[in-house]
Amino acid sequence: MAEQSGGRQPTEHRVSCRCGQLRLAAHGNPVRGSICHCQACQRRTGSVFGVQGRFPAEAVELHGEWREYRRTADSGNCLAFRFCPASGATLFLVLDIEPGLIGFPVGAFTDPGLPEPTASIYESSCHSWVKLPDNIEHRP
């Protein structure tokens, strides 16, 4: 259920793949946002890092068909990346150690209204020219 406080409207963030077949709505705001510089995220996104926001699973609505790719991260945690079988876009992920949370690539959101990430991880793989906010958690 979406949160309401002080008469404000509930916050809903929409996620969609490129073809629109797979769509999700996340209600409220993420409980965590992070920037990951690991080489697996770089290869997955085709960018110099991956940015994701995690929402409680009960705050997420899913519409459409998806497929799954599982891998074990450098940390030893197992992740399930779920993607649209038509467009190939990864739209959400679940970590086995956090089954009650669903992560979304921030670039897949159809609105720019998400709060900024609070953590930057695997900075040992960060490209030297990337500049990050000082006010977030930094982990090697």
Protein backbone atom coordinates (compact mmCIF):
# COMPACT_ATOMS: atom_id res chain seq x y z
CA MET A 1 0.00 0.00 0.00
CA ALA A 2 1.26 3.49 -0.78
CA GLU A 3 2.22 5.78 2.06
CA GLN A 4 0.37 8.98 2.85
CA SER A 5 1.33 11.66 5.31
CA GLY A 6 0.18 15.17 5.97
CA GLY A 7 -2.41 15.09 3.17
CA ARG A 8 0.19 14.39 0.47
CA GLN A 9 -0.66 12.10 -2.39
CA PRO A 10 0.86 8.60 -2.34
CA THR A 11 4.10 8.21 -4.24
CA GLU A 12 4.13 5.74 -7.10
CA HIS A 13 7.18 5.05 -9.27
CA ARG A 14 6.65 3.22 -12.56
CA VAL A 15 9.17 0.95 -14.24
CA SER A 16 8.91 -0.30 -17.80
CA CYS A 17 11.04 -2.22 -20.28
CA ARG A 18 11.73 -0.77 -23.72
CA CYS A 19 8.85 -2.56 -25.43
CA GLY A 20 6.37 -2.00 -22.58
CA GLN A 21 5.49 -5.69 -22.16
CA LEU A 22 6.89 -5.82 -18.61
CA ARG A 23 5.76 -3.07 -16.24
CA LEU A 24 6.02 -2.56 -12.52
CA ALA A 25 4.79 0.02 -10.06
CA ALA A 26 6.60 0.63 -6.78
CA HIS A 27 4.67 2.50 -4.09
CA GLY A 28 6.43 4.78 -1.63
CA ASN A 29 10.15 5.46 -1.78
CA PRO A 30 13.04 3.04 -1.86
CA VAL A 31 14.38 1.79 1.46
CA ARG A 32 17.87 1.88 -0.06
CA GLY A 33 19.51 3.28 -3.16
CA SER A 34 23.01 2.34 -4.24
CA ILE A 35 25.60 2.77 -6.96
CA CYS A 36 27.56 -0.42 -7.72
CA HIS A 37 30.89 -0.28 -9.56
CA CYS A 38 31.58 -4.03 -9.70
CA GLN A 39 32.59 -5.40 -13.08
CA ALA A 40 29.46 -7.60 -13.25
CA CYS A 41 27.23 -4.51 -12.97
CA GLN A 42 29.35 -2.72 -15.54
CA ARG A 43 28.88 -5.61 -17.99
CA ARG A 44 25.16 -5.95 -17.16
CA THR A 45 24.40 -2.28 -17.73
CA GLY A 46 26.94 -1.45 -20.44
CA SER A 47 27.84 1.58 -18.32
CA VAL A 48 30.52 2.39 -15.74
CA PHE A 49 28.22 1.42 -12.85
CA GLY A 50 24.75 0.19 -11.99
CA VAL A 51 22.34 2.27 -9.91
CA GLN A 52 19.46 0.58 -8.16
CA GLY A 53 16.74 1.29 -5.64
CA ARG A 54 15.24 -1.38 -3.38
CA PHE A 55 11.58 -1.42 -2.37
CA PRO A 56 9.66 -3.72 -0.01
CA ALA A 57 8.17 -6.56 -2.09
CA GLU A 58 4.67 -5.85 -0.77
CA ALA A 59 4.89 -2.32 -2.25
CA VAL A 60 5.44 -3.61 -5.80
CA GLU A 61 2.91 -4.50 -8.51
CA LEU A 62 4.09 -6.61 -11.47
CA HIS A 63 2.45 -6.80 -14.91
CA GLY A 64 3.83 -8.89 -17.75
CA GLU A 65 6.09 -11.83 -18.37
CA TRP A 66 9.71 -12.13 -17.23
CA ARG A 67 12.65 -14.53 -17.36
CA GLU A 68 15.42 -14.99 -14.81
CA TYR A 69 19.21 -15.08 -14.83
CA ARG A 70 20.88 -16.14 -11.56
CA ARG A 71 24.46 -15.49 -10.54
CA THR A 72 26.62 -15.50 -7.45
CA ALA A 73 28.19 -12.13 -6.67
CA ASP A 74 31.77 -11.57 -5.52
CA SER A 75 30.32 -11.23 -2.01
CA GLY A 76 28.98 -14.81 -2.23
CA ASN A 77 25.36 -13.63 -2.33
CA CYS A 78 23.09 -15.15 -4.97
CA LEU A 79 21.10 -12.71 -7.12
CA ALA A 80 18.20 -13.29 -9.50
CA PHE A 81 18.04 -10.75 -12.33
CA ARG A 82 14.61 -10.66 -13.95
CA PHE A 83 14.21 -9.35 -17.46
CA CYS A 84 11.72 -8.93 -20.29
CA PRO A 85 11.95 -11.87 -22.73
CA ALA A 86 11.05 -9.58 -25.66
CA SER A 87 13.32 -6.57 -25.10
CA GLY A 88 15.96 -8.18 -22.88
CA ALA A 89 15.86 -5.28 -20.41
CA THR A 90 16.60 -6.17 -16.78
CA LEU A 91 13.80 -4.60 -14.76
CA PHE A 92 14.21 -6.00 -11.29
CA LEU A 93 16.42 -8.14 -9.11
CA VAL A 94 16.13 -10.10 -5.89
CA LEU A 95 18.94 -11.05 -3.53
CA ASP A 96 18.55 -14.40 -1.77
CA ILE A 97 19.68 -12.73 1.49
CA GLU A 98 16.95 -10.04 1.17
CA PRO A 99 13.88 -11.86 -0.18
CA GLY A 100 11.52 -9.17 1.13
CA LEU A 101 13.09 -6.48 -1.07
CA ILE A 102 13.00 -5.97 -4.83
CA GLY A 103 15.70 -3.92 -6.53
CA PHE A 104 15.15 -1.88 -9.68
CA PRO A 105 17.67 -0.27 -12.03
CA VAL A 106 17.05 3.45 -11.53
CA GLY A 107 17.34 4.11 -15.28
CA ALA A 108 14.28 1.93 -15.91
CA PHE A 109 11.98 4.24 -13.95
CA THR A 110 9.75 6.38 -16.14
CA ASP A 111 10.05 9.32 -13.76
CA PRO A 112 13.11 11.16 -12.41
CA GLY A 113 11.64 11.60 -8.92
CA LEU A 114 13.61 9.05 -6.92
CA PRO A 115 15.81 10.15 -4.02
CA GLU A 116 19.55 10.05 -4.67
CA PRO A 117 21.47 6.87 -3.76
CA THR A 118 22.81 6.62 -0.21
CA ALA A 119 25.74 4.26 -0.87
CA SER A 120 28.48 3.60 -3.41
CA ILE A 121 29.92 0.07 -3.35
CA TYR A 122 32.80 -1.79 -5.03
CA GLU A 123 34.59 1.52 -5.50
CA SER A 124 37.83 -0.39 -6.08
CA SER A 125 36.43 -1.02 -9.61
CA CYS A 126 35.29 2.59 -10.07
CA HIS A 127 36.57 4.37 -13.18
CA SER A 128 39.01 7.11 -12.17
CA TRP A 129 37.04 9.90 -13.84
CA VAL A 130 33.72 9.13 -12.09
CA LYS A 131 32.84 11.76 -9.48
CA LEU A 132 30.45 10.82 -6.66
CA PRO A 133 28.66 12.84 -3.98
CA ASP A 134 30.66 13.20 -0.74
CA ASN A 135 27.56 12.78 1.44
CA ILE A 136 26.95 9.09 0.65
CA GLU A 137 28.46 5.95 2.15
CA HIS A 138 31.62 4.92 0.25
CA ARG A 139 32.78 1.29 0.32
CA PRO A 140 35.76 -0.22 -1.47
